């Protein structure tokens, strides 16, 4: 095998291992780490209900696999309940999942240390594209849950 084939194989192992490691440790992250929306979770100006509707995120959500409970976390395919407490807990889980996917997006960055730039960039773009659908669904769900919680509290949405 050529050196580049070996490099690609090692890159796949690195990225998959880092991503699985993130998913495996996420259920043990303290909830206090997930009680706000700093960058990159902060809502962007164009992220409205209409924006997500135009992207057909609801349809996309039904097609994506749900692996949230794989390592002891909570599945996000259905609300666990409708009380404010249940929604607040679910919001934490959605933030946790969103962080896992954002951190997975940057998991190829170590590849720039031992790869040609174009190969590391290819992995970065591929991993970003693979996580984008999940990020869209999670962001849409998080904003919807926040609207419900804010509405129950009488806060402006």
Protein backbone atom coordinates (compact mmCIF):
# COMPACT_ATOMS: atom_id res chain seq x y z
CA UNK A 1 0.00 0.00 0.00
CA UNK A 2 1.11 3.52 -0.64
CA UNK A 3 1.87 5.98 2.11
CA UNK A 4 -1.25 8.02 1.29
CA UNK A 5 -3.54 5.00 1.66
CA UNK A 6 -2.03 4.30 5.08
CA UNK A 7 -2.40 7.94 6.00
CA UNK A 8 -6.08 7.93 5.05
CA UNK A 9 -6.61 4.75 7.10
CA UNK A 10 -4.90 6.33 10.12
CA UNK A 11 -6.94 9.52 9.61
CA UNK A 12 -10.18 7.55 9.62
CA UNK A 13 -9.17 5.79 12.83
CA UNK A 14 -8.22 9.12 14.48
CA UNK A 15 -11.44 10.90 13.53
CA UNK A 16 -13.73 7.97 14.38
CA UNK A 17 -11.96 7.36 17.70
CA UNK A 18 -12.20 11.02 18.71
CA UNK A 19 -15.87 11.21 17.70
CA UNK A 20 -16.81 8.02 19.53
CA UNK A 21 -14.82 9.18 22.56
CA UNK A 22 -16.77 12.43 22.61
CA UNK A 23 -20.08 10.58 22.38
CA UNK A 24 -19.05 8.12 25.07
CA UNK A 25 -17.98 10.77 27.58
CA UNK A 26 -20.80 13.26 26.92
CA UNK A 27 -23.40 11.60 29.20
CA UNK A 28 -20.99 12.13 32.11
CA UNK A 29 -20.47 15.85 31.47
CA UNK A 30 -21.86 17.93 34.34
CA UNK A 31 -25.22 19.51 33.52
CA UNK A 32 -23.87 22.88 34.71
CA UNK A 33 -21.64 22.90 31.61
CA UNK A 34 -24.80 22.86 29.51
CA UNK A 35 -27.01 25.47 31.12
CA UNK A 36 -26.32 28.25 28.62
CA UNK A 37 -25.73 28.78 24.92
CA UNK A 38 -22.25 30.23 24.33
CA UNK A 39 -20.62 30.23 20.91
CA UNK A 40 -21.16 28.08 18.81
CA UNK A 41 -24.61 27.38 20.30
CA UNK A 42 -25.69 31.01 20.22
CA UNK A 43 -28.61 31.65 17.87
CA UNK A 44 -27.59 33.28 14.61
CA UNK A 45 -29.70 36.12 13.17
CA UNK A 46 -31.16 34.06 10.32
CA UNK A 47 -32.08 31.03 12.45
CA UNK A 48 -35.84 31.40 12.64
CA UNK A 49 -38.62 28.83 12.59
CA UNK A 50 -39.13 29.68 8.91
CA UNK A 51 -35.45 29.11 8.14
CA UNK A 52 -35.59 25.57 9.53
CA UNK A 53 -38.93 24.92 7.81
CA UNK A 54 -37.49 25.97 4.43
CA UNK A 55 -34.62 23.51 4.97
CA UNK A 56 -37.20 20.78 5.74
CA UNK A 57 -35.46 19.96 8.99
CA UNK A 58 -38.51 18.04 10.24
CA UNK A 59 -38.25 15.61 7.34
CA UNK A 60 -34.49 15.40 7.83
CA UNK A 61 -34.94 14.58 11.53
CA UNK A 62 -37.05 11.53 10.68
CA UNK A 63 -34.30 10.17 8.42
CA UNK A 64 -31.29 10.57 10.72
CA UNK A 65 -30.21 7.83 13.12
CA UNK A 66 -30.67 8.47 16.84
CA UNK A 67 -27.68 7.27 18.83
CA UNK A 68 -28.07 9.50 21.89
CA UNK A 69 -28.74 6.60 24.25
CA UNK A 70 -25.86 4.45 22.93
CA UNK A 71 -23.39 5.40 25.67
CA UNK A 72 -25.86 6.01 28.49
CA UNK A 73 -27.25 9.34 27.33
CA UNK A 74 -30.86 10.12 26.52
CA UNK A 75 -32.47 9.58 23.13
CA UNK A 76 -33.71 12.80 21.58
CA UNK A 77 -36.19 11.31 19.13
CA UNK A 78 -39.16 12.12 21.38
CA UNK A 79 -39.90 14.47 24.26
CA UNK A 80 -39.60 12.72 27.63
CA UNK A 81 -42.59 14.67 28.94
CA UNK A 82 -44.31 18.04 28.69
CA UNK A 83 -43.72 19.52 32.14
CA UNK A 84 -41.31 22.41 32.48
CA UNK A 85 -38.91 20.12 34.36
CA UNK A 86 -38.96 17.52 31.58
CA UNK A 87 -38.43 20.19 28.93
CA UNK A 88 -35.52 21.73 30.87
CA UNK A 89 -33.88 18.30 31.20
CA UNK A 90 -34.45 17.63 27.50
CA UNK A 91 -32.93 21.01 26.64
CA UNK A 92 -29.76 19.98 28.50
CA UNK A 93 -29.62 16.73 26.49
CA UNK A 94 -30.09 18.56 23.20
CA UNK A 95 -27.29 20.96 24.11
CA UNK A 96 -25.10 17.98 25.05
CA UNK A 97 -25.76 16.39 21.65
CA UNK A 98 -25.13 19.63 19.84
CA UNK A 99 -21.77 20.03 21.62
CA UNK A 100 -20.83 16.46 20.67
CA UNK A 101 -21.47 17.24 17.01
CA UNK A 102 -19.66 20.61 17.13
CA UNK A 103 -16.64 18.97 18.77
CA UNK A 104 -16.80 16.16 16.21
CA UNK A 105 -16.59 18.79 13.48
CA UNK A 106 -13.21 19.89 14.85
CA UNK A 107 -11.96 16.35 15.49
CA UNK A 108 -9.97 16.36 12.21
CA UNK A 109 -7.84 19.33 13.35
CA UNK A 110 -5.04 17.08 14.72
CA UNK A 111 -4.70 15.68 11.19
CA UNK A 112 -3.08 18.95 10.14
CA UNK A 113 -0.08 17.98 12.29
CA UNK A 114 0.90 14.94 10.22
CA UNK A 115 -0.99 15.15 6.93
CA UNK A 116 -0.59 17.14 3.77
CA UNK A 117 -2.84 20.20 4.18
CA UNK A 118 -5.16 19.12 1.37
CA UNK A 119 -5.85 15.72 2.97
CA UNK A 120 -6.52 17.20 6.40
CA UNK A 121 -8.78 19.82 4.81
CA UNK A 122 -10.65 17.08 2.93
CA UNK A 123 -11.31 15.28 6.21
CA UNK A 124 -12.38 18.52 7.90
CA UNK A 125 -14.86 19.26 5.10
CA UNK A 126 -16.20 15.69 5.02
CA UNK A 127 -16.69 15.52 8.79
CA UNK A 128 -18.32 18.96 8.76
CA UNK A 129 -20.72 17.90 6.01
CA UNK A 130 -21.53 14.69 7.87
CA UNK A 131 -22.36 16.56 11.10
CA UNK A 132 -24.29 19.42 9.49
CA UNK A 133 -27.65 17.60 9.23
CA UNK A 134 -27.47 16.60 12.91
CA UNK A 135 -26.55 20.15 13.94
CA UNK A 136 -29.49 21.58 11.97
CA UNK A 137 -31.96 19.19 13.62
CA UNK A 138 -30.53 19.72 17.10
CA UNK A 139 -30.50 23.51 16.77
CA UNK A 140 -34.08 23.53 15.50
CA UNK A 141 -35.19 21.32 18.40
CA UNK A 142 -33.32 23.41 20.96
CA UNK A 143 -34.84 26.66 19.72
CA UNK A 144 -38.32 25.10 19.72
CA UNK A 145 -37.90 23.84 23.30
CA UNK A 146 -36.58 27.23 24.41
CA UNK A 147 -39.63 28.92 22.85
CA UNK A 148 -41.96 26.57 24.74
CA UNK A 149 -40.15 27.13 28.05
CA UNK A 150 -40.08 30.91 27.52
CA UNK A 151 -43.79 30.90 26.63
CA UNK A 152 -44.61 28.99 29.84
CA UNK A 153 -42.61 31.53 31.84
CA UNK A 154 -44.37 34.41 30.11
CA UNK A 155 -41.07 35.67 28.64
CA UNK A 156 -40.96 37.13 25.15
CA UNK A 157 -40.08 34.54 22.51
